[in-house]
Protein backbone atom coordinates (compact mmCIF):
# COMPACT_ATOMS: atom_id res chain seq x y z
CA PHE A 1 -10.21 -26.64 -24.26
CA VAL A 2 -6.38 -27.46 -23.83
CA VAL A 3 -3.80 -24.87 -23.27
CA ASP A 4 -0.01 -25.18 -24.00
CA GLY A 5 -1.22 -28.88 -25.26
CA ARG A 6 -1.50 -30.12 -21.89
CA ILE A 7 -3.74 -28.51 -19.45
CA GLU A 8 -7.36 -29.89 -19.78
CA ILE A 9 -9.25 -26.11 -19.01
CA TYR A 10 -13.54 -27.35 -17.70
CA SER A 11 -14.89 -24.26 -17.85
CA GLU A 12 -18.69 -23.70 -16.47
CA PHE A 13 -21.05 -20.90 -18.12
CA TYR A 14 -23.94 -18.81 -15.98
CA THR A 15 -26.09 -16.62 -17.63
CA LEU A 16 -29.60 -15.63 -18.02
CA SER A 17 -31.58 -18.19 -20.91
CA THR A 18 -34.60 -15.41 -20.96
CA ARG A 19 -32.27 -12.50 -21.84
CA PHE A 20 -29.99 -14.99 -24.08
CA PRO A 21 -32.03 -17.62 -25.34
CA GLU A 22 -29.30 -18.98 -27.82
CA PHE A 23 -27.16 -20.13 -25.02
CA MET A 24 -30.08 -22.48 -24.65
CA GLU A 25 -30.24 -23.61 -28.16
CA LEU A 26 -27.05 -23.91 -29.19
CA PRO A 27 -25.03 -27.69 -28.64
CA THR A 28 -22.62 -28.01 -26.13
CA ASP A 29 -20.01 -29.12 -28.60
CA LYS A 30 -21.14 -25.83 -30.50
CA MET A 31 -20.33 -23.67 -27.72
CA ASN A 32 -16.40 -25.12 -27.29
CA GLY A 33 -14.00 -22.28 -28.62
CA LEU A 34 -16.80 -19.88 -28.72
CA ASN A 35 -16.91 -16.39 -27.63
CA PHE A 36 -19.19 -16.01 -25.80
CA LYS A 37 -18.54 -11.76 -25.41
CA LYS A 38 -18.65 -11.32 -29.24
CA LEU A 39 -21.68 -13.88 -29.67
CA ILE A 40 -23.32 -11.02 -26.74
CA ALA A 41 -22.38 -7.94 -28.00
CA ASN A 42 -22.96 -8.67 -31.59
CA ARG A 43 -26.13 -10.74 -31.41
CA TYR A 44 -27.72 -9.14 -28.13
CA LYS A 45 -26.42 -5.09 -28.24
CA ALA A 46 -24.52 -6.15 -24.76
CA PRO A 47 -21.38 -5.72 -25.10
CA THR A 48 -18.88 -6.73 -22.19
CA GLN A 49 -17.07 -2.62 -21.01
CA LYS A 50 -16.01 -4.44 -17.44
CA VAL A 51 -14.30 -7.56 -16.14
CA ARG A 52 -13.97 -9.13 -12.58
CA GLN A 53 -11.85 -11.68 -12.40
CA HIS A 54 -11.06 -13.61 -8.89
CA LEU A 55 -9.00 -17.11 -8.92
CA ARG A 56 -9.25 -19.33 -5.94
CA PHE A 57 -8.83 -22.68 -4.80
CA GLN A 58 -11.41 -25.94 -4.26
CA LYS A 59 -11.36 -29.54 -4.29
CA THR A 60 -11.41 -30.69 -8.31
CA PRO A 61 -15.28 -31.55 -8.45
CA ASP A 62 -15.80 -35.67 -9.67
CA HIS A 63 -17.31 -34.34 -12.69
CA VAL A 64 -13.68 -32.62 -13.79
CA ALA A 65 -11.55 -34.85 -12.92
CA ASN A 66 -12.95 -37.40 -14.56
CA LEU A 67 -13.60 -34.91 -18.26
CA CYS A 68 -9.70 -34.00 -18.02
CA GLY A 69 -8.50 -37.14 -17.32
CA ARG A 70 -7.54 -36.35 -13.81
CA PRO A 71 -7.08 -38.31 -10.28
CA ALA A 72 -9.75 -36.97 -8.19
CA GLY A 73 -9.51 -35.65 -4.46
CA GLY A 74 -7.03 -32.97 -5.96
CA ILE A 75 -7.06 -29.09 -5.94
CA SER A 76 -7.74 -26.44 -8.40
CA PRO A 77 -7.33 -23.15 -9.42
CA VAL A 78 -10.77 -21.65 -10.61
CA LEU A 79 -10.57 -18.66 -12.08
CA ASN A 80 -13.83 -16.75 -11.77
CA VAL A 81 -14.94 -14.23 -14.35
CA VAL A 82 -17.99 -11.95 -14.24
CA ALA A 83 -18.91 -9.78 -17.11
CA TYR A 84 -20.54 -6.60 -17.10
CA THR A 85 -22.59 -3.94 -19.43
CA LEU A 86 -21.74 -0.68 -19.26
CA SER A 87 -24.17 0.36 -16.38
CA GLY A 88 -22.83 -2.40 -13.95
CA GLU A 89 -25.17 -5.09 -14.97
CA PRO A 90 -24.33 -8.33 -14.79
CA ILE A 91 -24.21 -10.07 -18.47
CA PHE A 92 -22.39 -14.27 -17.64
CA TYR A 93 -20.64 -16.10 -15.04
CA GLN A 94 -18.05 -18.07 -15.92
CA ASP A 95 -16.13 -20.64 -13.94
CA PHE A 96 -12.54 -22.25 -15.40
CA PHE A 97 -11.41 -24.89 -13.51
CA LEU A 98 -7.46 -26.05 -13.72
CA PRO A 99 -6.77 -29.26 -12.46
CA LEU A 100 -3.36 -29.34 -12.89
CA GLU A 101 -0.19 -32.04 -12.51
CA GLU A 102 3.12 -30.56 -10.76
CA GLY A 103 4.74 -28.03 -13.70
CA ASN A 104 4.83 -24.65 -14.64
CA LEU A 105 2.27 -22.23 -17.10
CA ASP A 106 3.56 -19.30 -18.57
CA LEU A 107 0.71 -16.77 -18.32
CA GLY A 108 3.43 -14.50 -20.74
CA VAL A 109 3.38 -10.41 -20.48
CA ALA A 110 1.01 -8.07 -20.06
CA VAL A 111 2.01 -5.18 -22.54
CA ARG A 112 -0.46 -1.73 -22.16
CA GLY A 113 -0.97 0.45 -24.50
CA LEU A 114 -0.45 -1.68 -27.92
């Protein structure tokens, strides 16, 4: 998907296919823009209660660079997200690769309590 009309983001999503078989049946193009947390909560009654986020920096995998139209050999920030149930059981694991060029990305303002 694209952010700010100029930043191509590549996502890799992992979950247990035995627990959430719909993800094995969905064509990849139907997953683009799909809210995985809502689908899992509504269809499988497994709402996300906690999310852990971790940012790392790594060499951009060749397939990610190619799909995002970036040159090979660069470094990408990768946002890793793990969603958990209330009991602490992991629901899914997702990596968002942001193979960037020089520039700025406004992350907005966080306001609590709204």
